[in-house]
Amino acid sequence: MAITARKITPTTLDANELADFLAEQAIALRPLFKSGNPDTLTGSIVVHDAVFELVKALRAGDIAPVVAQIRLIPINQRAARYHVRTITAHRAA
């Protein structure tokens, strides 16, 4: 299986703005923690926890916003697998 490189458009948000934006999106997953569907329940917890690890790292200055964007790729792959919303690094225009 060939791996294709993805082109990433760097976010215009700084680290703190991106951390806030990611947190806003992840908090929306909390009501799904009580879902009767085991996939939705598991997926929402997995994605929520992974995003908040990025938020902590961004706020601490441990990673740059573009690194957070790259780390969102596998998080969003897991979100798709569990049919949970994907998390973006760009605000809607």
C-alpha atoms as a PDB file:
ATOM      1  CA  MET A   1       0.000   0.000   0.000  1.00  0.00           C
ATOM      2  CA  ALA A   2       1.444   3.315  -1.065  1.00  0.00           C
ATOM      3  CA  ILE A   3       1.467   6.162   1.383  1.00  0.00           C
ATOM      4  CA  THR A   4       0.617   9.541  -0.071  1.00  0.00           C
ATOM      5  CA  ALA A   5       1.949  12.664   1.534  1.00  0.00           C
ATOM      6  CA  ARG A   6      -0.690  15.115   2.664  1.00  0.00           C
ATOM      7  CA  LYS A   7      -0.223  18.789   2.189  1.00  0.00           C
ATOM      8  CA  ILE A   8      -0.893  20.666   5.408  1.00  0.00           C
ATOM      9  CA  THR A   9      -1.966  24.290   5.322  1.00  0.00           C
ATOM     10  CA  PRO A  10      -0.485  25.878   8.434  1.00  0.00           C
ATOM     11  CA  THR A  11      -3.042  27.351  10.769  1.00  0.00           C
ATOM     12  CA  THR A  12      -3.144  31.097  11.270  1.00  0.00           C
ATOM     13  CA  LEU A  13      -3.829  30.625  14.983  1.00  0.00           C
ATOM     14  CA  ASP A  14      -1.067  30.957  17.541  1.00  0.00           C
ATOM     15  CA  ALA A  15      -0.510  28.201  20.126  1.00  0.00           C
ATOM     16  CA  ASN A  16      -2.917  29.576  22.748  1.00  0.00           C
ATOM     17  CA  GLU A  17      -5.651  30.363  20.224  1.00  0.00           C
ATOM     18  CA  LEU A  18      -5.305  26.897  18.717  1.00  0.00           C
ATOM     19  CA  ALA A  19      -5.412  25.308  22.177  1.00  0.00           C
ATOM     20  CA  ASP A  20      -8.639  27.177  22.942  1.00  0.00           C
ATOM     21  CA  PHE A  21     -10.152  26.240  19.582  1.00  0.00           C
ATOM     22  CA  LEU A  22      -9.267  22.554  19.995  1.00  0.00           C
ATOM     23  CA  ALA A  23     -10.652  22.555  23.542  1.00  0.00           C
ATOM     24  CA  GLU A  24     -13.948  24.064  22.321  1.00  0.00           C
ATOM     25  CA  GLN A  25     -14.336  21.227  19.836  1.00  0.00           C
ATOM     26  CA  ALA A  26     -13.326  18.467  22.248  1.00  0.00           C
ATOM     27  CA  ILE A  27     -15.667  19.672  24.991  1.00  0.00           C
ATOM     28  CA  ALA A  28     -18.557  19.085  22.581  1.00  0.00           C
ATOM     29  CA  LEU A  29     -17.735  15.355  22.773  1.00  0.00           C
ATOM     30  CA  ARG A  30     -18.433  15.103  26.523  1.00  0.00           C
ATOM     31  CA  PRO A  31     -22.193  14.441  26.225  1.00  0.00           C
ATOM     32  CA  LEU A  32     -21.298  11.379  24.132  1.00  0.00           C
ATOM     33  CA  PHE A  33     -19.542   9.830  27.161  1.00  0.00           C
ATOM     34  CA  LYS A  34     -22.985   8.606  28.229  1.00  0.00           C
ATOM     35  CA  SER A  35     -23.911   7.200  24.829  1.00  0.00           C
ATOM     36  CA  GLY A  36     -25.631   3.827  24.705  1.00  0.00           C
ATOM     37  CA  ASN A  37     -23.607   3.004  21.595  1.00  0.00           C
ATOM     38  CA  PRO A  38     -20.282   1.466  22.732  1.00  0.00           C
ATOM     39  CA  ASP A  39     -18.400   2.705  19.637  1.00  0.00           C
ATOM     40  CA  THR A  40     -19.584   6.273  20.120  1.00  0.00           C
ATOM     41  CA  LEU A  41     -18.786   6.128  23.821  1.00  0.00           C
ATOM     42  CA  THR A  42     -15.275   4.760  23.255  1.00  0.00           C
ATOM     43  CA  GLY A  43     -14.558   7.047  20.307  1.00  0.00           C
ATOM     44  CA  SER A  44     -15.653  10.186  22.100  1.00  0.00           C
ATOM     45  CA  ILE A  45     -13.433   9.400  25.095  1.00  0.00           C
ATOM     46  CA  VAL A  46     -10.419   8.458  22.959  1.00  0.00           C
ATOM     47  CA  VAL A  47     -10.665  11.565  20.780  1.00  0.00           C
ATOM     48  CA  HIS A  48     -11.431  13.878  23.732  1.00  0.00           C
ATOM     49  CA  ASP A  49      -8.445  12.657  25.741  1.00  0.00           C
ATOM     50  CA  ALA A  50      -6.055  12.810  22.776  1.00  0.00           C
ATOM     51  CA  VAL A  51      -7.114  16.348  21.894  1.00  0.00           C
ATOM     52  CA  PHE A  52      -6.709  17.520  25.484  1.00  0.00           C
ATOM     53  CA  GLU A  53      -3.158  16.120  25.490  1.00  0.00           C
ATOM     54  CA  LEU A  54      -2.486  18.404  22.509  1.00  0.00           C
ATOM     55  CA  VAL A  55      -4.150  21.321  24.306  1.00  0.00           C
ATOM     56  CA  LYS A  56      -1.914  20.821  27.362  1.00  0.00           C
ATOM     57  CA  ALA A  57       1.212  20.610  25.193  1.00  0.00           C
ATOM     58  CA  LEU A  58       0.259  23.736  23.220  1.00  0.00           C
ATOM     59  CA  ARG A  59      -0.448  25.743  26.362  1.00  0.00           C
ATOM     60  CA  ALA A  60       2.839  24.610  27.932  1.00  0.00           C
ATOM     61  CA  GLY A  61       4.728  25.605  24.787  1.00  0.00           C
ATOM     62  CA  ASP A  62       6.001  22.055  24.263  1.00  0.00           C
ATOM     63  CA  ILE A  63       4.807  21.847  20.652  1.00  0.00           C
ATOM     64  CA  ALA A  64       4.207  24.293  17.815  1.00  0.00           C
ATOM     65  CA  PRO A  65       0.789  24.701  16.208  1.00  0.00           C
ATOM     66  CA  VAL A  66       1.908  22.942  13.016  1.00  0.00           C
ATOM     67  CA  VAL A  67       3.046  19.936  15.073  1.00  0.00           C
ATOM     68  CA  ALA A  68      -0.390  19.846  16.701  1.00  0.00           C
ATOM     69  CA  GLN A  69      -1.947  19.848  13.226  1.00  0.00           C
ATOM     70  CA  ILE A  70       0.152  16.842  12.240  1.00  0.00           C
ATOM     71  CA  ARG A  71      -0.799  15.030  15.449  1.00  0.00           C
ATOM     72  CA  LEU A  72      -4.474  15.668  14.654  1.00  0.00           C
ATOM     73  CA  ILE A  73      -4.252  13.379  11.611  1.00  0.00           C
ATOM     74  CA  PRO A  74      -4.221  10.059  13.538  1.00  0.00           C
ATOM     75  CA  ILE A  75      -6.700  11.472  16.064  1.00  0.00           C
ATOM     76  CA  ASN A  76      -9.118  12.234  13.235  1.00  0.00           C
ATOM     77  CA  GLN A  77      -8.531   8.787  11.730  1.00  0.00           C
ATOM     78  CA  ARG A  78      -9.628   7.297  15.050  1.00  0.00           C
ATOM     79  CA  ALA A  79     -12.606   9.670  15.141  1.00  0.00           C
ATOM     80  CA  ALA A  80     -13.671   8.459  11.701  1.00  0.00           C
ATOM     81  CA  ARG A  81     -13.279   4.833  12.755  1.00  0.00           C
ATOM     82  CA  TYR A  82     -15.619   5.410  15.711  1.00  0.00           C
ATOM     83  CA  HIS A  83     -17.981   7.705  13.758  1.00  0.00           C
ATOM     84  CA  VAL A  84     -17.266  10.694  15.987  1.00  0.00           C
ATOM     85  CA  ARG A  85     -16.794  14.266  14.735  1.00  0.00           C
ATOM     86  CA  THR A  86     -13.366  15.239  13.448  1.00  0.00           C
ATOM     87  CA  ILE A  87     -11.365  18.013  15.053  1.00  0.00           C
ATOM     88  CA  THR A  88     -10.027  20.834  12.877  1.00  0.00           C
ATOM     89  CA  ALA A  89      -7.205  23.325  13.333  1.00  0.00           C
ATOM     90  CA  HIS A  90      -8.862  25.999  11.160  1.00  0.00           C
ATOM     91  CA  ARG A  91     -11.834  28.156  12.027  1.00  0.00           C
ATOM     92  CA  ALA A  92     -14.586  28.188   9.410  1.00  0.00           C
ATOM     93  CA  ALA A  93     -14.312  31.122   7.050  1.00  0.00           C
END
